[in-house]
Amino acid sequence: NQALYTWGLPLINWLESPHAFWIVMLLYLWKNTGYSVV
């Protein structure tokens, strides 16, 4: 949001919008991919 504000774009409430699903999905992949790799 700080980057969006700097570029003059509207701020987004990421964690209170449908974007939250994809944020959680990204977190799940980042956290658990390494275990499956091993």
ModelCIF file with pLDDT and N, C-alpha, C, O atoms, coordinates in Angstrom:
data_MODEL
#
_entry.id   MODEL 
#
_entity.id                         1 
_entity.type                       polymer 
_entity.pdbx_number_of_molecules   1 
#
_entity_poly.entity_id                      1 
_entity_poly.type                           'polypeptide(L)' 
_entity_poly.nstd_linkage                   no 
_entity_poly.nstd_monomer                   no 
_entity_poly.pdbx_seq_one_letter_code       NQALYTWGLPLINWLESPHAFWIVMLLYLWKNTGYSVV 
_entity_poly.pdbx_seq_one_letter_code_can   NQALYTWGLPLINWLESPHAFWIVMLLYLWKNTGYSVV 
_entity_poly.pdbx_strand_id                 A 
#
loop_
_entity_poly_seq.entity_id 
_entity_poly_seq.num 
_entity_poly_seq.mon_id 
_entity_poly_seq.hetero 
1 1  ASN n 
1 2  GLN n 
1 3  ALA n 
1 4  LEU n 
1 5  TYR n 
1 6  THR n 
1 7  TRP n 
1 8  GLY n 
1 9  LEU n 
1 10 PRO n 
1 11 LEU n 
1 12 ILE n 
1 13 ASN n 
1 14 TRP n 
1 15 LEU n 
1 16 GLU n 
1 17 SER n 
1 18 PRO n 
1 19 HIS n 
1 20 ALA n 
1 21 PHE n 
1 22 TRP n 
1 23 ILE n 
1 24 VAL n 
1 25 MET n 
1 26 LEU n 
1 27 LEU n 
1 28 TYR n 
1 29 LEU n 
1 30 TRP n 
1 31 LYS n 
1 32 ASN n 
1 33 THR n 
1 34 GLY n 
1 35 TYR n 
1 36 SER n 
1 37 VAL n 
1 38 VAL n 
#
_struct_asym.id          A 
_struct_asym.entity_id   1 
#
loop_
_ma_qa_metric.id 
_ma_qa_metric.mode 
_ma_qa_metric.name 
_ma_qa_metric.software_group_id 
_ma_qa_metric.type 
1 global pLDDT . pLDDT 
2 local  pLDDT . pLDDT 
#
_ma_qa_metric_global.metric_id      1 
_ma_qa_metric_global.metric_value   87.50 
_ma_qa_metric_global.model_id       1 
_ma_qa_metric_global.ordinal_id     1 
#
loop_
_ma_qa_metric_local.label_asym_id 
_ma_qa_metric_local.label_comp_id 
_ma_qa_metric_local.label_seq_id 
_ma_qa_metric_local.metric_id 
_ma_qa_metric_local.metric_value 
_ma_qa_metric_local.model_id 
_ma_qa_metric_local.ordinal_id 
A ASN 1  2 87.00 1 1  
A GLN 2  2 88.00 1 2  
A ALA 3  2 88.00 1 3  
A LEU 4  2 86.00 1 4  
A TYR 5  2 84.00 1 5  
A THR 6  2 86.00 1 6  
A TRP 7  2 88.00 1 7  
A GLY 8  2 83.00 1 8  
A LEU 9  2 83.00 1 9  
A PRO 10 2 85.00 1 10 
A LEU 11 2 84.00 1 11 
A ILE 12 2 85.00 1 12 
A ASN 13 2 85.00 1 13 
A TRP 14 2 86.00 1 14 
A LEU 15 2 84.00 1 15 
A GLU 16 2 85.00 1 16 
A SER 17 2 85.00 1 17 
A PRO 18 2 87.00 1 18 
A HIS 19 2 88.00 1 19 
A ALA 20 2 88.00 1 20 
A PHE 21 2 91.00 1 21 
A TRP 22 2 92.00 1 22 
A ILE 23 2 90.00 1 23 
A VAL 24 2 91.00 1 24 
A MET 25 2 92.00 1 25 
A LEU 26 2 91.00 1 26 
A LEU 27 2 90.00 1 27 
A TYR 28 2 91.00 1 28 
A LEU 29 2 91.00 1 29 
A TRP 30 2 89.00 1 30 
A LYS 31 2 88.00 1 31 
A ASN 32 2 89.00 1 32 
A THR 33 2 89.00 1 33 
A GLY 34 2 85.00 1 34 
A TYR 35 2 87.00 1 35 
A SER 36 2 89.00 1 36 
A VAL 37 2 89.00 1 37 
A VAL 38 2 86.00 1 38 
#
loop_
_atom_site.group_PDB 
_atom_site.id 
_atom_site.type_symbol 
_atom_site.label_atom_id 
_atom_site.label_alt_id 
_atom_site.label_comp_id 
_atom_site.label_asym_id 
_atom_site.label_entity_id 
_atom_site.label_seq_id 
_atom_site.pdbx_PDB_ins_code 
_atom_site.Cartn_x 
_atom_site.Cartn_y 
_atom_site.Cartn_z 
_atom_site.occupancy 
_atom_site.B_iso_or_equiv 
_atom_site.pdbx_formal_charge 
_atom_site.auth_seq_id 
_atom_site.auth_comp_id 
_atom_site.auth_asym_id 
_atom_site.auth_atom_id 
_atom_site.pdbx_PDB_model_num 
ATOM 1   N N  . ASN A 1 1  ? 0.823   -1.216  0.000  1.00 87.00 ? 1  ASN A N  1 
ATOM 2   C CA . ASN A 1 1  ? 0.000   0.000   0.000  1.00 87.00 ? 1  ASN A CA 1 
ATOM 3   C C  . ASN A 1 1  ? 0.853   1.260   0.000  1.00 87.00 ? 1  ASN A C  1 
ATOM 4   O O  . ASN A 1 1  ? 0.465   2.278   -0.574 1.00 87.00 ? 1  ASN A O  1 
ATOM 5   N N  . GLN A 1 2  ? 2.013   1.195   0.642  1.00 88.00 ? 2  GLN A N  1 
ATOM 6   C CA . GLN A 1 2  ? 2.925   2.341   0.583  1.00 88.00 ? 2  GLN A CA 1 
ATOM 7   C C  . GLN A 1 2  ? 3.409   2.569   -0.840 1.00 88.00 ? 2  GLN A C  1 
ATOM 8   O O  . GLN A 1 2  ? 3.550   3.709   -1.281 1.00 88.00 ? 2  GLN A O  1 
ATOM 9   N N  . ALA A 1 3  ? 3.665   1.469   -1.563 1.00 88.00 ? 3  ALA A N  1 
ATOM 10  C CA . ALA A 1 3  ? 4.076   1.593   -2.966 1.00 88.00 ? 3  ALA A CA 1 
ATOM 11  C C  . ALA A 1 3  ? 2.931   2.150   -3.815 1.00 88.00 ? 3  ALA A C  1 
ATOM 12  O O  . ALA A 1 3  ? 3.152   3.003   -4.674 1.00 88.00 ? 3  ALA A O  1 
ATOM 13  N N  . LEU A 1 4  ? 1.701   1.666   -3.571 1.00 86.00 ? 4  LEU A N  1 
ATOM 14  C CA . LEU A 1 4  ? 0.547   2.186   -4.314 1.00 86.00 ? 4  LEU A CA 1 
ATOM 15  C C  . LEU A 1 4  ? 0.336   3.670   -4.042 1.00 86.00 ? 4  LEU A C  1 
ATOM 16  O O  . LEU A 1 4  ? 0.009   4.432   -4.952 1.00 86.00 ? 4  LEU A O  1 
ATOM 17  N N  . TYR A 1 5  ? 0.522   4.078   -2.792 1.00 84.00 ? 5  TYR A N  1 
ATOM 18  C CA . TYR A 1 5  ? 0.368   5.492   -2.427 1.00 84.00 ? 5  TYR A CA 1 
ATOM 19  C C  . TYR A 1 5  ? 1.432   6.344   -3.124 1.00 84.00 ? 5  TYR A C  1 
ATOM 20  O O  . TYR A 1 5  ? 1.153   7.452   -3.583 1.00 84.00 ? 5  TYR A O  1 
ATOM 21  N N  . THR A 1 6  ? 2.646   5.813   -3.196 1.00 86.00 ? 6  THR A N  1 
ATOM 22  C CA . THR A 1 6  ? 3.740   6.547   -3.850 1.00 86.00 ? 6  THR A CA 1 
ATOM 23  C C  . THR A 1 6  ? 3.451   6.741   -5.328 1.00 86.00 ? 6  THR A C  1 
ATOM 24  O O  . THR A 1 6  ? 3.777   7.783   -5.896 1.00 86.00 ? 6  THR A O  1 
ATOM 25  N N  . TRP A 1 7  ? 2.832   5.725   -5.963 1.00 88.00 ? 7  TRP A N  1 
ATOM 26  C CA . TRP A 1 7  ? 2.543   5.809   -7.396 1.00 88.00 ? 7  TRP A CA 1 
ATOM 27  C C  . TRP A 1 7  ? 1.211   6.518   -7.682 1.00 88.00 ? 7  TRP A C  1 
ATOM 28  O O  . TRP A 1 7  ? 0.809   6.637   -8.839 1.00 88.00 ? 7  TRP A O  1 
ATOM 29  N N  . GLY A 1 8  ? 0.540   6.980   -6.646 1.00 83.00 ? 8  GLY A N  1 
ATOM 30  C CA . GLY A 1 8  ? -0.719  7.684   -6.837 1.00 83.00 ? 8  GLY A CA 1 
ATOM 31  C C  . GLY A 1 8  ? -1.890  6.785   -7.141 1.00 83.00 ? 8  GLY A C  1 
ATOM 32  O O  . GLY A 1 8  ? -2.884  7.241   -7.707 1.00 83.00 ? 8  GLY A O  1 
ATOM 33  N N  . LEU A 1 9  ? -1.802  5.514   -6.778 1.00 83.00 ? 9  LEU A N  1 
ATOM 34  C CA . LEU A 1 9  ? -2.882  4.558   -7.039 1.00 83.00 ? 9  LEU A CA 1 
ATOM 35  C C  . LEU A 1 9  ? -3.733  4.369   -5.788 1.00 83.00 ? 9  LEU A C  1 
ATOM 36  O O  . LEU A 1 9  ? -3.249  4.603   -4.680 1.00 83.00 ? 9  LEU A O  1 
ATOM 37  N N  . PRO A 1 10 ? -4.989  3.950   -5.938 1.00 85.00 ? 10 PRO A N  1 
ATOM 38  C CA . PRO A 1 10 ? -5.859  3.748   -4.757 1.00 85.00 ? 10 PRO A CA 1 
ATOM 39  C C  . PRO A 1 10 ? -5.349  2.603   -3.888 1.00 85.00 ? 10 PRO A C  1 
ATOM 40  O O  . PRO A 1 10 ? -4.842  1.599   -4.388 1.00 85.00 ? 10 PRO A O  1 
ATOM 41  N N  . LEU A 1 11 ? -5.495  2.776   -2.582 1.00 84.00 ? 11 LEU A N  1 
ATOM 42  C CA . LEU A 1 11 ? -5.047  1.753   -1.639 1.00 84.00 ? 11 LEU A CA 1 
ATOM 43  C C  . LEU A 1 11 ? -6.037  0.589   -1.619 1.00 84.00 ? 11 LEU A C  1 
ATOM 44  O O  . LEU A 1 11 ? -7.223  0.759   -1.901 1.00 84.00 ? 11 LEU A O  1 
ATOM 45  N N  . ILE A 1 12 ? -5.527  -0.591  -1.282 1.00 85.00 ? 12 ILE A N  1 
ATOM 46  C CA . ILE A 1 12 ? -6.338  -1.815  -1.249 1.00 85.00 ? 12 ILE A CA 1 
ATOM 47  C C  . ILE A 1 12 ? -6.235  -2.439  0.134  1.00 85.00 ? 12 ILE A C  1 
ATOM 48  O O  . ILE A 1 12 ? -5.141  -2.599  0.675  1.00 85.00 ? 12 ILE A O  1 
ATOM 49  N N  . ASN A 1 13 ? -7.364  -2.783  0.688  1.00 85.00 ? 13 ASN A N  1 
ATOM 50  C CA . ASN A 1 13 ? -7.381  -3.504  1.969  1.00 85.00 ? 13 ASN A CA 1 
ATOM 51  C C  . ASN A 1 13 ? -7.218  -4.999  1.665  1.00 85.00 ? 13 ASN A C  1 
ATOM 52  O O  . ASN A 1 13 ? -8.193  -5.747  1.616  1.00 85.00 ? 13 ASN A O  1 
ATOM 53  N N  . TRP A 1 14 ? -5.962  -5.412  1.463  1.00 86.00 ? 14 TRP A N  1 
ATOM 54  C CA . TRP A 1 14 ? -5.649  -6.734  0.947  1.00 86.00 ? 14 TRP A CA 1 
ATOM 55  C C  . TRP A 1 14 ? -6.242  -7.861  1.783  1.00 86.00 ? 14 TRP A C  1 
ATOM 56  O O  . TRP A 1 14 ? -6.813  -8.801  1.231  1.00 86.00 ? 14 TRP A O  1 
ATOM 57  N N  . LEU A 1 15 ? -6.117  -7.782  3.095  1.00 84.00 ? 15 LEU A N  1 
ATOM 58  C CA . LEU A 1 15 ? -6.510  -8.879  3.982  1.00 84.00 ? 15 LEU A CA 1 
ATOM 59  C C  . LEU A 1 15 ? -8.003  -8.879  4.296  1.00 84.00 ? 15 LEU A C  1 
ATOM 60  O O  . LEU A 1 15 ? -8.486  -9.801  4.954  1.00 84.00 ? 15 LEU A O  1 
ATOM 61  N N  . GLU A 1 16 ? -8.743  -7.876  3.844  1.00 85.00 ? 16 GLU A N  1 
ATOM 62  C CA . GLU A 1 16 ? -10.187 -7.827  4.065  1.00 85.00 ? 16 GLU A CA 1 
ATOM 63  C C  . GLU A 1 16 ? -10.937 -7.795  2.740  1.00 85.00 ? 16 GLU A C  1 
ATOM 64  O O  . GLU A 1 16 ? -12.031 -7.237  2.646  1.00 85.00 ? 16 GLU A O  1 
ATOM 65  N N  . SER A 1 17 ? -10.345 -8.392  1.732  1.00 85.00 ? 17 SER A N  1 
ATOM 66  C CA . SER A 1 17 ? -10.944 -8.428  0.403  1.00 85.00 ? 17 SER A CA 1 
ATOM 67  C C  . SER A 1 17 ? -10.744 -9.825  -0.183 1.00 85.00 ? 17 SER A C  1 
ATOM 68  O O  . SER A 1 17 ? -10.045 -10.641 0.417  1.00 85.00 ? 17 SER A O  1 
ATOM 69  N N  . PRO A 1 18 ? -11.342 -10.123 -1.345 1.00 87.00 ? 18 PRO A N  1 
ATOM 70  C CA . PRO A 1 18 ? -11.125 -11.432 -1.978 1.00 87.00 ? 18 PRO A CA 1 
ATOM 71  C C  . PRO A 1 18 ? -9.657  -11.728 -2.280 1.00 87.00 ? 18 PRO A C  1 
ATOM 72  O O  . PRO A 1 18 ? -9.288  -12.883 -2.491 1.00 87.00 ? 18 PRO A O  1 
ATOM 73  N N  . HIS A 1 19 ? -8.816  -10.686 -2.300 1.00 88.00 ? 19 HIS A N  1 
ATOM 74  C CA . HIS A 1 19 ? -7.380  -10.929 -2.497 1.00 88.00 ? 19 HIS A CA 1 
ATOM 75  C C  . HIS A 1 19 ? -6.797  -11.771 -1.366 1.00 88.00 ? 19 HIS A C  1 
ATOM 76  O O  . HIS A 1 19 ? -5.750  -12.395 -1.540 1.00 88.00 ? 19 HIS A O  1 
ATOM 77  N N  . ALA A 1 20 ? -7.459  -11.797 -0.212 1.00 88.00 ? 20 ALA A N  1 
ATOM 78  C CA . ALA A 1 20 ? -6.938  -12.532 0.937  1.00 88.00 ? 20 ALA A CA 1 
ATOM 79  C C  . ALA A 1 20 ? -6.779  -14.022 0.624  1.00 88.00 ? 20 ALA A C  1 
ATOM 80  O O  . ALA A 1 20 ? -5.860  -14.668 1.126  1.00 88.00 ? 20 ALA A O  1 
ATOM 81  N N  . PHE A 1 21 ? -7.679  -14.568 -0.209 1.00 91.00 ? 21 PHE A N  1 
ATOM 82  C CA . PHE A 1 21 ? -7.575  -15.997 -0.556 1.00 91.00 ? 21 PHE A CA 1 
ATOM 83  C C  . PHE A 1 21 ? -6.259  -16.296 -1.243 1.00 91.00 ? 21 PHE A C  1 
ATOM 84  O O  . PHE A 1 21 ? -5.598  -17.283 -0.921 1.00 91.00 ? 21 PHE A O  1 
ATOM 85  N N  . TRP A 1 22 ? -5.869  -15.447 -2.193 1.00 92.00 ? 22 TRP A N  1 
ATOM 86  C CA . TRP A 1 22 ? -4.643  -15.698 -2.945 1.00 92.00 ? 22 TRP A CA 1 
ATOM 87  C C  . TRP A 1 22 ? -3.408  -15.382 -2.109 1.00 92.00 ? 22 TRP A C  1 
ATOM 88  O O  . TRP A 1 22 ? -2.346  -15.964 -2.328 1.00 92.00 ? 22 TRP A O  1 
ATOM 89  N N  . ILE A 1 23 ? -3.538  -14.471 -1.161 1.00 90.00 ? 23 ILE A N  1 
ATOM 90  C CA . ILE A 1 23 ? -2.425  -14.211 -0.238 1.00 90.00 ? 23 ILE A CA 1 
ATOM 91  C C  . ILE A 1 23 ? -2.177  -15.433 0.633  1.00 90.00 ? 23 ILE A C  1 
ATOM 92  O O  . ILE A 1 23 ? -1.032  -15.837 0.834  1.00 90.00 ? 23 ILE A O  1 
ATOM 93  N N  . VAL A 1 24 ? -3.257  -16.021 1.151  1.00 91.00 ? 24 VAL A N  1 
ATOM 94  C CA . VAL A 1 24 ? -3.129  -17.235 1.961  1.00 91.00 ? 24 VAL A CA 1 
ATOM 95  C C  . VAL A 1 24 ? -2.605  -18.392 1.118  1.00 91.00 ? 24 VAL A C  1 
ATOM 96  O O  . VAL A 1 24 ? -1.806  -19.196 1.598  1.00 91.00 ? 24 VAL A O  1 
ATOM 97  N N  . MET A 1 25 ? -3.043  -18.483 -0.124 1.00 92.00 ? 25 MET A N  1 
ATOM 98  C CA . MET A 1 25 ? -2.543  -19.530 -1.021 1.00 92.00 ? 25 MET A CA 1 
ATOM 99  C C  . MET A 1 25 ? -1.048  -19.375 -1.256 1.00 92.00 ? 25 MET A C  1 
ATOM 100 O O  . MET A 1 25 ? -0.306  -20.356 -1.224 1.00 92.00 ? 25 MET A O  1 
ATOM 101 N N  . LEU A 1 26 ? -0.605  -18.146 -1.492 1.00 91.00 ? 26 LEU A N  1 
ATOM 102 C CA . LEU A 1 26 ? 0.821   -17.882 -1.677 1.00 91.00 ? 26 LEU A CA 1 
ATOM 103 C C  . LEU A 1 26 ? 1.608   -18.246 -0.423 1.00 91.00 ? 26 LEU A C  1 
ATOM 104 O O  . LEU A 1 26 ? 2.703   -18.801 -0.509 1.00 91.00 ? 26 LEU A O  1 
ATOM 105 N N  . LEU A 1 27 ? 1.045   -17.931 0.739  1.00 90.00 ? 27 LEU A N  1 
ATOM 106 C CA . LEU A 1 27 ? 1.687   -18.272 2.010  1.00 90.00 ? 27 LEU A CA 1 
ATOM 107 C C  . LEU A 1 27 ? 1.799   -19.782 2.170  1.00 90.00 ? 27 LEU A C  1 
ATOM 108 O O  . LEU A 1 27 ? 2.832   -20.288 2.609  1.00 90.00 ? 27 LEU A O  1 
ATOM 109 N N  . TYR A 1 28 ? 0.738   -20.501 1.815  1.00 91.00 ? 28 TYR A N  1 
ATOM 110 C CA . TYR A 1 28 ? 0.742   -21.967 1.909  1.00 91.00 ? 28 TYR A CA 1 
ATOM 111 C C  . TYR A 1 28 ? 1.808   -22.576 1.006  1.00 91.00 ? 28 TYR A C  1 
ATOM 112 O O  . TYR A 1 28 ? 2.536   -23.477 1.422  1.00 91.00 ? 28 TYR A O  1 
ATOM 113 N N  . LEU A 1 29 ? 1.900   -22.086 -0.229 1.00 91.00 ? 29 LEU A N  1 
ATOM 114 C CA . LEU A 1 29 ? 2.899   -22.611 -1.163 1.00 91.00 ? 29 LEU A CA 1 
ATOM 115 C C  . LEU A 1 29 ? 4.315   -22.311 -0.680 1.00 91.00 ? 29 LEU A C  1 
ATOM 116 O O  . LEU A 1 29 ? 5.190   -23.176 -0.721 1.00 91.00 ? 29 LEU A O  1 
ATOM 117 N N  . TRP A 1 30 ? 4.530   -21.085 -0.224 1.00 89.00 ? 30 TRP A N  1 
ATOM 118 C CA . TRP A 1 30 ? 5.866   -20.696 0.248  1.00 89.00 ? 30 TRP A CA 1 
ATOM 119 C C  . TRP A 1 30 ? 6.284   -21.519 1.456  1.00 89.00 ? 30 TRP A C  1 
ATOM 120 O O  . TRP A 1 30 ? 7.451   -21.890 1.580  1.00 89.00 ? 30 TRP A O  1 
ATOM 121 N N  . LYS A 1 31 ? 5.357   -21.802 2.335  1.00 88.00 ? 31 LYS A N  1 
ATOM 122 C CA . LYS A 1 31 ? 5.680   -22.454 3.597  1.00 88.00 ? 31 LYS A CA 1 
ATOM 123 C C  . LYS A 1 31 ? 5.866   -23.966 3.447  1.00 88.00 ? 31 LYS A C  1 
ATOM 124 O O  . LYS A 1 31 ? 6.650   -24.561 4.186  1.00 88.00 ? 31 LYS A O  1 
ATOM 125 N N  . ASN A 1 32 ? 5.160   -24.595 2.506  1.00 89.00 ? 32 ASN A N  1 
ATOM 126 C CA . ASN A 1 32 ? 5.113   -26.059 2.474  1.00 89.00 ? 32 ASN A CA 1 
ATOM 127 C C  . ASN A 1 32 ? 5.744   -26.703 1.246  1.00 89.00 ? 32 ASN A C  1 
ATOM 128 O O  . ASN A 1 32 ? 5.907   -27.922 1.210  1.00 89.00 ? 32 ASN A O  1 
ATOM 129 N N  . THR A 1 33 ? 6.101   -25.914 0.242  1.00 89.00 ? 33 THR A N  1 
ATOM 130 C CA . THR A 1 33 ? 6.695   -26.518 -0.953 1.00 89.00 ? 33 THR A CA 1 
ATOM 131 C C  . THR A 1 33 ? 8.005   -27.219 -0.625 1.00 89.00 ? 33 THR A C  1 
ATOM 132 O O  . THR A 1 33 ? 8.272   -28.302 -1.145 1.00 89.00 ? 33 THR A O  1 
ATOM 133 N N  . GLY A 1 34 ? 8.820   -26.620 0.224  1.00 85.00 ? 34 GLY A N  1 
ATOM 134 C CA . GLY A 1 34 ? 10.116  -27.205 0.550  1.00 85.00 ? 34 GLY A CA 1 
ATOM 135 C C  . GLY A 1 34 ? 10.016  -28.588 1.152  1.00 85.00 ? 34 GLY A C  1 
ATOM 136 O O  . GLY A 1 34 ? 10.857  -29.443 0.874  1.00 85.00 ? 34 GLY A O  1 
ATOM 137 N N  . TYR A 1 35 ? 9.003   -28.828 1.975  1.00 87.00 ? 35 TYR A N  1 
ATOM 138 C CA . TYR A 1 35 ? 8.828   -30.141 2.585  1.00 87.00 ? 35 TYR A CA 1 
ATOM 139 C C  . TYR A 1 35 ? 8.527   -31.196 1.522  1.00 87.00 ? 35 TYR A C  1 
ATOM 140 O O  . TYR A 1 35 ? 9.059   -32.305 1.572  1.00 87.00 ? 35 TYR A O  1 
ATOM 141 N N  . SER A 1 36 ? 7.672   -30.845 0.562  1.00 89.00 ? 36 SER A N  1 
ATOM 142 C CA . SER A 1 36 ? 7.372   -31.773 -0.530 1.00 89.00 ? 36 SER A CA 1 
ATOM 143 C C  . SER A 1 36 ? 8.586   -31.995 -1.415 1.00 89.00 ? 36 SER A C  1 
ATOM 144 O O  . SER A 1 36 ? 8.774   -33.087 -1.951 1.00 89.00 ? 36 SER A O  1 
ATOM 145 N N  . VAL A 1 37 ? 9.408   -30.972 -1.571 1.00 89.00 ? 37 VAL A N  1 
ATOM 146 C CA . VAL A 1 37 ? 10.637  -31.114 -2.359 1.00 89.00 ? 37 VAL A CA 1 
ATOM 147 C C  . VAL A 1 37 ? 11.538  -32.181 -1.749 1.00 89.00 ? 37 VAL A C  1 
ATOM 148 O O  . VAL A 1 37 ? 12.085  -33.015 -2.469 1.00 89.00 ? 37 VAL A O  1 
ATOM 149 N N  . VAL A 1 38 ? 11.696  -32.160 -0.432 1.00 86.00 ? 38 VAL A N  1 
ATOM 150 C CA . VAL A 1 38 ? 12.554  -33.136 0.241  1.00 86.00 ? 38 VAL A CA 1 
ATOM 151 C C  . VAL A 1 38 ? 12.008  -34.552 0.066  1.00 86.00 ? 38 VAL A C  1 
ATOM 152 O O  . VAL A 1 38 ? 12.600  -35.508 0.566  1.00 86.00 ? 38 VAL A O  1 
#
